[in-house]
């Protein structure tokens, strides 16, 4: 009898711990990042994931904790890394590291998200505020949420001359080029410009300038899983 009581003293707390862990992770999300481009990209994900080389057709699965916010996923192109993970990318470079800890250098198309926020909702968007380098689709894959977003226009090919990145490997945002408040919106008081309208015309669902919230932010119930596809 004493042995049975002794055993139950350990079994019961273990059950509570397991239940607690299951409960606290129930709103975590799975992100499948797939490269459908006919060339290699080096996917980046912060603050969760870091980075990974994705050859054409490969997928990278990232487990993202509930409550993660200020997060983004993007593709880097033209990268060359050594065995220690140090190198450089033509677009989207993050301090010369394969495993990103910081945001990438524009131009780069961004999938942005914040999980389990206001009213138990996830918020997600595609942003061209940092310019464009690779076409992208960002869509929910569970929880009955079906409204995805994509930006697949030939933005690089038709990029205004003033915004063309060196070597034609992307289309810069105007803030990077002109560095004025009119384009960078540092004062928080800015509106659409002739250049932001170019991006908006090409990809109506994407952020085109910092205050472009009303037509560019989408939501799903917390606990939804997502898919990011480069060159959908």
C-alpha atoms as a PDB file:
ATOM      1  CA  UNK A   1       0.000   0.000   0.000  1.00  0.00           C
ATOM      2  CA  UNK A   2       2.737   2.400   0.906  1.00  0.00           C
ATOM      3  CA  UNK A   3       4.495   1.623  -2.365  1.00  0.00           C
ATOM      4  CA  UNK A   4       1.314   2.392  -4.302  1.00  0.00           C
ATOM      5  CA  UNK A   5       0.939   5.739  -2.578  1.00  0.00           C
ATOM      6  CA  UNK A   6       4.606   6.482  -3.142  1.00  0.00           C
ATOM      7  CA  UNK A   7       4.283   5.771  -6.861  1.00  0.00           C
ATOM      8  CA  UNK A   8       1.157   7.882  -7.194  1.00  0.00           C
ATOM      9  CA  UNK A   9       2.947  10.844  -5.645  1.00  0.00           C
ATOM     10  CA  UNK A  10       5.234  10.875  -8.678  1.00  0.00           C
ATOM     11  CA  UNK A  11       2.700   9.912 -11.315  1.00  0.00           C
ATOM     12  CA  UNK A  12       0.203  12.644 -10.420  1.00  0.00           C
ATOM     13  CA  UNK A  13       2.649  15.575 -10.564  1.00  0.00           C
ATOM     14  CA  UNK A  14       4.085  14.226 -13.822  1.00  0.00           C
ATOM     15  CA  UNK A  15       0.556  14.145 -15.276  1.00  0.00           C
ATOM     16  CA  UNK A  16       0.026  17.744 -14.225  1.00  0.00           C
ATOM     17  CA  UNK A  17       3.309  18.809 -15.807  1.00  0.00           C
ATOM     18  CA  UNK A  18       2.491  17.015 -19.055  1.00  0.00           C
ATOM     19  CA  UNK A  19      -0.982  18.573 -19.082  1.00  0.00           C
ATOM     20  CA  UNK A  20       0.488  22.010 -18.435  1.00  0.00           C
ATOM     21  CA  UNK A  21       2.992  21.653 -21.279  1.00  0.00           C
ATOM     22  CA  UNK A  22       0.274  20.483 -23.652  1.00  0.00           C
ATOM     23  CA  UNK A  23      -1.955  23.390 -22.685  1.00  0.00           C
ATOM     24  CA  UNK A  24       0.742  26.048 -22.977  1.00  0.00           C
ATOM     25  CA  UNK A  25       1.810  24.829 -26.419  1.00  0.00           C
ATOM     26  CA  UNK A  26      -1.696  24.325 -27.806  1.00  0.00           C
ATOM     27  CA  UNK A  27      -1.634  27.667 -29.632  1.00  0.00           C
ATOM     28  CA  UNK A  28       1.797  27.192 -31.213  1.00  0.00           C
ATOM     29  CA  UNK A  29       1.865  27.240 -35.009  1.00  0.00           C
ATOM     30  CA  UNK A  30       3.601  25.223 -37.705  1.00  0.00           C
ATOM     31  CA  UNK A  31       5.005  27.175 -40.649  1.00  0.00           C
ATOM     32  CA  UNK A  32       5.910  25.267 -43.803  1.00  0.00           C
ATOM     33  CA  UNK A  33       8.305  27.321 -45.932  1.00  0.00           C
ATOM     34  CA  UNK A  34       8.596  25.996 -49.492  1.00  0.00           C
ATOM     35  CA  UNK A  35      10.809  27.052 -52.392  1.00  0.00           C
ATOM     36  CA  UNK A  36       9.007  26.689 -55.723  1.00  0.00           C
ATOM     37  CA  UNK A  37      11.506  28.929 -57.517  1.00  0.00           C
ATOM     38  CA  UNK A  38      13.572  27.303 -60.288  1.00  0.00           C
ATOM     39  CA  UNK A  39      16.678  28.376 -58.361  1.00  0.00           C
ATOM     40  CA  UNK A  40      18.052  28.001 -54.829  1.00  0.00           C
ATOM     41  CA  UNK A  41      17.031  30.463 -52.132  1.00  0.00           C
ATOM     42  CA  UNK A  42      18.263  30.783 -48.576  1.00  0.00           C
ATOM     43  CA  UNK A  43      15.164  31.127 -46.436  1.00  0.00           C
ATOM     44  CA  UNK A  44      15.381  33.330 -43.356  1.00  0.00           C
ATOM     45  CA  UNK A  45      13.109  33.414 -40.309  1.00  0.00           C
ATOM     46  CA  UNK A  46      13.357  35.612 -37.213  1.00  0.00           C
ATOM     47  CA  UNK A  47      12.987  35.555 -34.273  1.00  0.00           C
ATOM     48  CA  UNK A  48      12.316  31.812 -34.663  1.00  0.00           C
ATOM     49  CA  UNK A  49      14.109  29.513 -37.094  1.00  0.00           C
ATOM     50  CA  UNK A  50      17.235  31.339 -38.225  1.00  0.00           C
ATOM     51  CA  UNK A  51      17.909  30.255 -41.785  1.00  0.00           C
ATOM     52  CA  UNK A  52      18.254  27.373 -44.204  1.00  0.00           C
ATOM     53  CA  UNK A  53      19.253  26.718 -47.792  1.00  0.00           C
ATOM     54  CA  UNK A  54      16.279  25.564 -49.858  1.00  0.00           C
ATOM     55  CA  UNK A  55      16.923  24.093 -53.263  1.00  0.00           C
ATOM     56  CA  UNK A  56      14.063  24.149 -55.751  1.00  0.00           C
ATOM     57  CA  UNK A  57      11.180  22.023 -54.426  1.00  0.00           C
ATOM     58  CA  UNK A  58      12.441  21.777 -50.834  1.00  0.00           C
ATOM     59  CA  UNK A  59      10.379  22.619 -47.731  1.00  0.00           C
ATOM     60  CA  UNK A  60      11.469  23.788 -44.273  1.00  0.00           C
ATOM     61  CA  UNK A  61       9.112  23.290 -41.305  1.00  0.00           C
ATOM     62  CA  UNK A  62       9.348  25.744 -38.401  1.00  0.00           C
ATOM     63  CA  UNK A  63       7.576  25.342 -35.040  1.00  0.00           C
ATOM     64  CA  UNK A  64       6.667  28.805 -33.768  1.00  0.00           C
ATOM     65  CA  UNK A  65       5.682  29.332 -30.103  1.00  0.00           C
ATOM     66  CA  UNK A  66       2.375  30.961 -29.227  1.00  0.00           C
ATOM     67  CA  UNK A  67       2.639  34.703 -28.667  1.00  0.00           C
ATOM     68  CA  UNK A  68       5.500  35.216 -31.117  1.00  0.00           C
ATOM     69  CA  UNK A  69       5.285  38.694 -32.640  1.00  0.00           C
ATOM     70  CA  UNK A  70       7.361  41.066 -34.707  1.00  0.00           C
ATOM     71  CA  UNK A  71       8.271  38.045 -36.829  1.00  0.00           C
ATOM     72  CA  UNK A  72       9.135  37.749 -40.497  1.00  0.00           C
ATOM     73  CA  UNK A  73      10.126  35.168 -43.083  1.00  0.00           C
ATOM     74  CA  UNK A  74      11.869  36.016 -46.350  1.00  0.00           C
ATOM     75  CA  UNK A  75      13.989  34.582 -49.147  1.00  0.00           C
ATOM     76  CA  UNK A  76      17.617  35.503 -49.682  1.00  0.00           C
ATOM     77  CA  UNK A  77      19.122  35.162 -53.148  1.00  0.00           C
ATOM     78  CA  UNK A  78      22.610  34.889 -54.587  1.00  0.00           C
ATOM     79  CA  UNK A  79      24.147  33.638 -51.329  1.00  0.00           C
ATOM     80  CA  UNK A  80      27.545  32.074 -50.735  1.00  0.00           C
ATOM     81  CA  UNK A  81      28.322  30.683 -47.267  1.00  0.00           C
ATOM     82  CA  UNK A  82      31.354  28.835 -45.977  1.00  0.00           C
ATOM     83  CA  UNK A  83      31.298  25.773 -43.714  1.00  0.00           C
ATOM     84  CA  UNK A  84      30.899  27.951 -40.615  1.00  0.00           C
ATOM     85  CA  UNK A  85      27.779  29.664 -41.987  1.00  0.00           C
ATOM     86  CA  UNK A  86      29.462  32.976 -42.825  1.00  0.00           C
ATOM     87  CA  UNK A  87      29.137  34.648 -46.207  1.00  0.00           C
ATOM     88  CA  UNK A  88      26.985  37.114 -48.096  1.00  0.00           C
ATOM     89  CA  UNK A  89      23.751  37.329 -50.108  1.00  0.00           C
ATOM     90  CA  UNK A  90      22.837  39.622 -53.003  1.00  0.00           C
ATOM     91  CA  UNK A  91      19.375  40.280 -51.519  1.00  0.00           C
ATOM     92  CA  UNK A  92      17.993  39.850 -48.011  1.00  0.00           C
ATOM     93  CA  UNK A  93      21.400  39.423 -46.358  1.00  0.00           C
ATOM     94  CA  UNK A  94      21.373  39.316 -42.537  1.00  0.00           C
ATOM     95  CA  UNK A  95      24.804  40.372 -41.304  1.00  0.00           C
ATOM     96  CA  UNK A  96      26.509  37.761 -43.484  1.00  0.00           C
ATOM     97  CA  UNK A  97      25.123  34.815 -41.528  1.00  0.00           C
ATOM     98  CA  UNK A  98      23.300  31.697 -42.700  1.00  0.00           C
ATOM     99  CA  UNK A  99      21.460  31.614 -39.360  1.00  0.00           C
ATOM    100  CA  UNK A 100      19.746  34.987 -39.159  1.00  0.00           C
ATOM    101  CA  UNK A 101      19.365  36.792 -35.837  1.00  0.00           C
ATOM    102  CA  UNK A 102      18.403  40.160 -37.332  1.00  0.00           C
ATOM    103  CA  UNK A 103      16.241  41.465 -40.162  1.00  0.00           C
ATOM    104  CA  UNK A 104      17.515  41.307 -43.727  1.00  0.00           C
ATOM    105  CA  UNK A 105      18.887  44.100 -45.881  1.00  0.00           C
ATOM    106  CA  UNK A 106      16.371  45.461 -48.428  1.00  0.00           C
ATOM    107  CA  UNK A 107      15.183  44.725 -50.991  1.00  0.00           C
ATOM    108  CA  UNK A 108      13.318  41.668 -49.722  1.00  0.00           C
ATOM    109  CA  UNK A 109       9.684  40.545 -49.906  1.00  0.00           C
ATOM    110  CA  UNK A 110       8.452  39.818 -46.365  1.00  0.00           C
ATOM    111  CA  UNK A 111       5.945  37.467 -44.774  1.00  0.00           C
ATOM    112  CA  UNK A 112       5.185  39.090 -41.409  1.00  0.00           C
ATOM    113  CA  UNK A 113       3.127  37.728 -38.529  1.00  0.00           C
ATOM    114  CA  UNK A 114       2.166  38.028 -34.867  1.00  0.00           C
ATOM    115  CA  UNK A 115       0.545  35.053 -33.120  1.00  0.00           C
ATOM    116  CA  UNK A 116      -2.145  35.052 -30.423  1.00  0.00           C
ATOM    117  CA  UNK A 117      -2.658  38.794 -30.194  1.00  0.00           C
ATOM    118  CA  UNK A 118      -5.787  40.964 -29.772  1.00  0.00           C
ATOM    119  CA  UNK A 119      -9.025  38.945 -29.448  1.00  0.00           C
ATOM    120  CA  UNK A 120      -7.062  35.669 -29.682  1.00  0.00           C
ATOM    121  CA  UNK A 121      -6.216  36.326 -33.312  1.00  0.00           C
ATOM    122  CA  UNK A 122      -3.105  35.857 -35.425  1.00  0.00           C
ATOM    123  CA  UNK A 123      -2.196  38.800 -37.653  1.00  0.00           C
ATOM    124  CA  UNK A 124      -0.284  38.233 -40.883  1.00  0.00           C
ATOM    125  CA  UNK A 125       0.682  40.134 -44.015  1.00  0.00           C
ATOM    126  CA  UNK A 126       2.985  40.342 -47.009  1.00  0.00           C
ATOM    127  CA  UNK A 127       5.031  43.524 -46.903  1.00  0.00           C
ATOM    128  CA  UNK A 128       6.804  45.336 -49.729  1.00  0.00           C
ATOM    129  CA  UNK A 129       7.795  48.206 -47.446  1.00  0.00           C
ATOM    130  CA  UNK A 130      11.361  46.846 -47.669  1.00  0.00           C
ATOM    131  CA  UNK A 131      11.055  46.360 -51.410  1.00  0.00           C
ATOM    132  CA  UNK A 132      10.729  43.140 -53.436  1.00  0.00           C
ATOM    133  CA  UNK A 133      13.043  40.329 -54.436  1.00  0.00           C
ATOM    134  CA  UNK A 134      11.049  37.055 -54.747  1.00  0.00           C
ATOM    135  CA  UNK A 135       7.328  36.371 -55.475  1.00  0.00           C
ATOM    136  CA  UNK A 136       5.501  35.018 -52.438  1.00  0.00           C
ATOM    137  CA  UNK A 137       2.329  33.352 -51.186  1.00  0.00           C
ATOM    138  CA  UNK A 138       1.404  33.425 -47.470  1.00  0.00           C
ATOM    139  CA  UNK A 139      -1.632  31.314 -46.573  1.00  0.00           C
ATOM    140  CA  UNK A 140      -3.269  29.598 -43.591  1.00  0.00           C
ATOM    141  CA  UNK A 141      -3.537  25.812 -43.806  1.00  0.00           C
ATOM    142  CA  UNK A 142      -5.794  24.865 -40.865  1.00  0.00           C
ATOM    143  CA  UNK A 143      -8.443  26.010 -38.400  1.00  0.00           C
ATOM    144  CA  UNK A 144     -10.995  26.742 -41.119  1.00  0.00           C
ATOM    145  CA  UNK A 145      -9.112  29.893 -42.110  1.00  0.00           C
ATOM    146  CA  UNK A 146      -8.915  30.092 -45.904  1.00  0.00           C
ATOM    147  CA  UNK A 147      -8.004  33.680 -46.854  1.00  0.00           C
ATOM    148  CA  UNK A 148      -4.425  33.648 -48.109  1.00  0.00           C
ATOM    149  CA  UNK A 149      -2.425  36.486 -49.670  1.00  0.00           C
ATOM    150  CA  UNK A 150       0.068  36.521 -52.500  1.00  0.00           C
ATOM    151  CA  UNK A 151       2.325  38.795 -54.491  1.00  0.00           C
ATOM    152  CA  UNK A 152       3.387  37.228 -57.771  1.00  0.00           C
ATOM    153  CA  UNK A 153       3.629  40.173 -60.183  1.00  0.00           C
ATOM    154  CA  UNK A 154       6.774  40.849 -62.227  1.00  0.00           C
ATOM    155  CA  UNK A 155       7.861  43.637 -59.921  1.00  0.00           C
ATOM    156  CA  UNK A 156      11.583  43.156 -60.597  1.00  0.00           C
ATOM    157  CA  UNK A 157      11.156  43.204 -64.356  1.00  0.00           C
ATOM    158  CA  UNK A 158       9.024  46.342 -64.385  1.00  0.00           C
ATOM    159  CA  UNK A 159      10.682  48.113 -61.447  1.00  0.00           C
ATOM    160  CA  UNK A 160      11.009  51.905 -61.886  1.00  0.00           C
ATOM    161  CA  UNK A 161      14.563  52.813 -62.858  1.00  0.00           C
ATOM    162  CA  UNK A 162      15.035  54.851 -59.688  1.00  0.00           C
ATOM    163  CA  UNK A 163      14.335  51.782 -57.539  1.00  0.00           C
ATOM    164  CA  UNK A 164      16.234  49.089 -59.415  1.00  0.00           C
ATOM    165  CA  UNK A 165      18.676  47.239 -57.172  1.00  0.00           C
ATOM    166  CA  UNK A 166      22.250  46.705 -58.265  1.00  0.00           C
ATOM    167  CA  UNK A 167      22.495  43.890 -60.780  1.00  0.00           C
ATOM    168  CA  UNK A 168      18.727  43.821 -61.261  1.00  0.00           C
ATOM    169  CA  UNK A 169      18.284  41.404 -58.344  1.00  0.00           C
ATOM    170  CA  UNK A 170      15.399  43.238 -56.722  1.00  0.00           C
ATOM    171  CA  UNK A 171      13.266  46.365 -56.583  1.00  0.00           C
ATOM    172  CA  UNK A 172      14.156  48.722 -53.740  1.00  0.00           C
ATOM    173  CA  UNK A 173      11.703  50.508 -51.514  1.00  0.00           C
ATOM    174  CA  UNK A 174      11.910  54.302 -51.975  1.00  0.00           C
ATOM    175  CA  UNK A 175      13.074  54.859 -48.381  1.00  0.00           C
ATOM    176  CA  UNK A 176      16.273  52.922 -49.103  1.00  0.00           C
ATOM    177  CA  UNK A 177      16.934  55.048 -52.180  1.00  0.00           C
ATOM    178  CA  UNK A 178      15.835  58.552 -51.174  1.00  0.00           C
ATOM    179  CA  UNK A 179      16.021  58.416 -47.342  1.00  0.00           C
ATOM    180  CA  UNK A 180      13.438  61.179 -46.871  1.00  0.00           C
ATOM    181  CA  UNK A 181      10.586  61.242 -44.370  1.00  0.00           C
ATOM    182  CA  UNK A 182       8.088  61.362 -47.198  1.00  0.00           C
ATOM    183  CA  UNK A 183       9.097  57.804 -48.084  1.00  0.00           C
ATOM    184  CA  UNK A 184      10.467  56.489 -44.771  1.00  0.00           C
ATOM    185  CA  UNK A 185       7.595  57.764 -42.600  1.00  0.00           C
ATOM    186  CA  UNK A 186       9.870  58.270 -39.572  1.00  0.00           C
ATOM    187  CA  UNK A 187       7.556  60.966 -38.215  1.00  0.00           C
ATOM    188  CA  UNK A 188       4.559  58.646 -38.485  1.00  0.00           C
ATOM    189  CA  UNK A 189       2.797  61.140 -40.730  1.00  0.00           C
ATOM    190  CA  UNK A 190       3.000  59.966 -44.306  1.00  0.00           C
ATOM    191  CA  UNK A 191       0.777  58.795 -47.121  1.00  0.00           C
ATOM    192  CA  UNK A 192       1.012  56.851 -50.367  1.00  0.00           C
ATOM    193  CA  UNK A 193       3.519  58.065 -52.953  1.00  0.00           C
ATOM    194  CA  UNK A 194       3.974  57.492 -56.665  1.00  0.00           C
ATOM    195  CA  UNK A 195       6.366  54.657 -55.830  1.00  0.00           C
ATOM    196  CA  UNK A 196       4.207  52.980 -53.178  1.00  0.00           C
ATOM    197  CA  UNK A 197       1.345  53.075 -55.690  1.00  0.00           C
ATOM    198  CA  UNK A 198       3.526  51.100 -58.106  1.00  0.00           C
ATOM    199  CA  UNK A 199       3.833  48.288 -55.544  1.00  0.00           C
ATOM    200  CA  UNK A 200       0.148  48.524 -54.602  1.00  0.00           C
ATOM    201  CA  UNK A 201      -0.995  48.286 -58.206  1.00  0.00           C
ATOM    202  CA  UNK A 202       1.107  45.155 -58.687  1.00  0.00           C
ATOM    203  CA  UNK A 203       0.138  43.464 -55.397  1.00  0.00           C
ATOM    204  CA  UNK A 204      -3.077  44.984 -53.949  1.00  0.00           C
ATOM    205  CA  UNK A 205      -3.062  42.783 -50.821  1.00  0.00           C
ATOM    206  CA  UNK A 206       0.495  43.671 -49.794  1.00  0.00           C
ATOM    207  CA  UNK A 207       1.790  46.521 -47.658  1.00  0.00           C
ATOM    208  CA  UNK A 208       3.106  49.223 -49.952  1.00  0.00           C
ATOM    209  CA  UNK A 209       4.111  51.890 -47.385  1.00  0.00           C
ATOM    210  CA  UNK A 210       4.320  51.956 -43.542  1.00  0.00           C
ATOM    211  CA  UNK A 211       0.755  53.237 -42.944  1.00  0.00           C
ATOM    212  CA  UNK A 212      -0.934  50.886 -45.425  1.00  0.00           C
ATOM    213  CA  UNK A 213      -2.836  48.923 -42.741  1.00  0.00           C
ATOM    214  CA  UNK A 214      -6.464  48.883 -43.792  1.00  0.00           C
ATOM    215  CA  UNK A 215      -6.060  46.799 -46.952  1.00  0.00           C
ATOM    216  CA  UNK A 216      -2.992  44.787 -45.998  1.00  0.00           C
ATOM    217  CA  UNK A 217      -3.429  43.065 -42.620  1.00  0.00           C
ATOM    218  CA  UNK A 218      -5.229  39.713 -42.356  1.00  0.00           C
ATOM    219  CA  UNK A 219      -6.287  37.577 -39.394  1.00  0.00           C
ATOM    220  CA  UNK A 220      -6.922  33.959 -38.445  1.00  0.00           C
ATOM    221  CA  UNK A 221      -7.915  32.320 -35.146  1.00  0.00           C
ATOM    222  CA  UNK A 222      -5.004  31.604 -32.852  1.00  0.00           C
ATOM    223  CA  UNK A 223      -3.676  28.077 -33.336  1.00  0.00           C
ATOM    224  CA  UNK A 224      -3.766  28.238 -37.149  1.00  0.00           C
ATOM    225  CA  UNK A 225      -0.877  26.774 -39.167  1.00  0.00           C
ATOM    226  CA  UNK A 226       0.587  28.560 -42.190  1.00  0.00           C
ATOM    227  CA  UNK A 227       2.453  28.053 -45.448  1.00  0.00           C
ATOM    228  CA  UNK A 228       4.926  30.469 -47.077  1.00  0.00           C
ATOM    229  CA  UNK A 229       5.758  29.679 -50.713  1.00  0.00           C
ATOM    230  CA  UNK A 230       8.471  31.416 -52.716  1.00  0.00           C
ATOM    231  CA  UNK A 231       7.592  31.643 -56.449  1.00  0.00           C
ATOM    232  CA  UNK A 232       4.084  30.120 -56.047  1.00  0.00           C
END
